[in-house]
Amino acid sequence: MLQTMQFVLAHSLHRLQYSV
């Protein structure tokens, strides 16, 4: 479960960085 949360968080961060 922890790995999944970290994966989602990393994905969200990557998307945010791409948006900027």
PDB file of N, CA and C in Angstrom:
ATOM      1  N   MET A   1       0.843  -1.200   0.000  1.00  0.00           N
ATOM      2  CA  MET A   1       0.000   0.000   0.000  1.00  0.00           C
ATOM      3  C   MET A   1       0.887   1.261   0.000  1.00  0.00           C
ATOM      4  N   LEU A   2       1.930   1.212   0.799  1.00  0.00           N
ATOM      5  CA  LEU A   2       2.805   2.391   0.873  1.00  0.00           C
ATOM      6  C   LEU A   2       3.435   2.669  -0.488  1.00  0.00           C
ATOM      7  N   GLN A   3       3.879   1.599  -1.152  1.00  0.00           N
ATOM      8  CA  GLN A   3       4.496   1.788  -2.470  1.00  0.00           C
ATOM      9  C   GLN A   3       3.511   2.454  -3.426  1.00  0.00           C
ATOM     10  N   THR A   4       2.259   2.027  -3.374  1.00  0.00           N
ATOM     11  CA  THR A   4       1.256   2.603  -4.280  1.00  0.00           C
ATOM     12  C   THR A   4       1.086   4.090  -4.016  1.00  0.00           C
ATOM     13  N   MET A   5       1.032   4.460  -2.746  1.00  0.00           N
ATOM     14  CA  MET A   5       0.859   5.878  -2.404  1.00  0.00           C
ATOM     15  C   MET A   5       2.060   6.681  -2.895  1.00  0.00           C
ATOM     16  N   GLN A   6       3.252   6.133  -2.686  1.00  0.00           N
ATOM     17  CA  GLN A   6       4.452   6.846  -3.135  1.00  0.00           C
ATOM     18  C   GLN A   6       4.429   6.997  -4.650  1.00  0.00           C
ATOM     19  N   PHE A   7       3.963   5.943  -5.342  1.00  0.00           N
ATOM     20  CA  PHE A   7       3.908   5.995  -6.813  1.00  0.00           C
ATOM     21  C   PHE A   7       2.961   7.099  -7.257  1.00  0.00           C
ATOM     22  N   VAL A   8       1.796   7.159  -6.636  1.00  0.00           N
ATOM     23  CA  VAL A   8       0.807   8.198  -7.000  1.00  0.00           C
ATOM     24  C   VAL A   8       1.370   9.580  -6.694  1.00  0.00           C
ATOM     25  N   LEU A   9       2.025   9.710  -5.556  1.00  0.00           N
ATOM     26  CA  LEU A   9       2.596  11.012  -5.179  1.00  0.00           C
ATOM     27  C   LEU A   9       3.652  11.428  -6.200  1.00  0.00           C
ATOM     28  N   ALA A  10       4.516  10.511  -6.561  1.00  0.00           N
ATOM     29  CA  ALA A  10       5.573  10.827  -7.533  1.00  0.00           C
ATOM     30  C   ALA A  10       4.942  11.242  -8.861  1.00  0.00           C
ATOM     31  N   HIS A  11       3.892  10.541  -9.266  1.00  0.00           N
ATOM     32  CA  HIS A  11       3.229  10.864 -10.536  1.00  0.00           C
ATOM     33  C   HIS A  11       2.644  12.275 -10.470  1.00  0.00           C
ATOM     34  N   SER A  12       1.997  12.580  -9.357  1.00  0.00           N
ATOM     35  CA  SER A  12       1.376  13.906  -9.202  1.00  0.00           C
ATOM     36  C   SER A  12       2.457  14.989  -9.244  1.00  0.00           C
ATOM     37  N   LEU A  13       3.565  14.731  -8.574  1.00  0.00           N
ATOM     38  CA  LEU A  13       4.654  15.716  -8.551  1.00  0.00           C
ATOM     39  C   LEU A  13       5.206  15.923  -9.957  1.00  0.00           C
ATOM     40  N   HIS A  14       5.407  14.844 -10.681  1.00  0.00           N
ATOM     41  CA  HIS A  14       5.926  14.948 -12.048  1.00  0.00           C
ATOM     42  C   HIS A  14       4.974  15.765 -12.909  1.00  0.00           C
ATOM     43  N   ARG A  15       3.676  15.498 -12.781  1.00  0.00           N
ATOM     44  CA  ARG A  15       2.681  16.213 -13.590  1.00  0.00           C
ATOM     45  C   ARG A  15       2.703  17.697 -13.222  1.00  0.00           C
ATOM     46  N   LEU A  16       2.849  17.980 -11.939  1.00  0.00           N
ATOM     47  CA  LEU A  16       2.861  19.382 -11.496  1.00  0.00           C
ATOM     48  C   LEU A  16       4.082  20.096 -12.078  1.00  0.00           C
ATOM     49  N   GLN A  17       5.227  19.434 -12.023  1.00  0.00           N
ATOM     50  CA  GLN A  17       6.447  20.047 -12.551  1.00  0.00           C
ATOM     51  C   GLN A  17       6.303  20.291 -14.045  1.00  0.00           C
ATOM     52  N   TYR A  18       5.637  19.371 -14.739  1.00  0.00           N
ATOM     53  CA  TYR A  18       5.459  19.523 -16.188  1.00  0.00           C
ATOM     54  C   TYR A  18       4.544  20.707 -16.490  1.00  0.00           C
ATOM     55  N   SER A  19       3.564  20.919 -15.606  1.00  0.00           N
ATOM     56  CA  SER A  19       2.582  22.011 -15.823  1.00  0.00           C
ATOM     57  C   SER A  19       3.290  23.364 -15.688  1.00  0.00           C
ATOM     58  N   VAL A  20       4.219  23.448 -14.753  1.00  0.00           N
ATOM     59  CA  VAL A  20       4.901  24.735 -14.518  1.00  0.00           C
ATOM     60  C   VAL A  20       5.740  25.101 -15.733  1.00  0.00           C
TER      61      VAL A  20
END
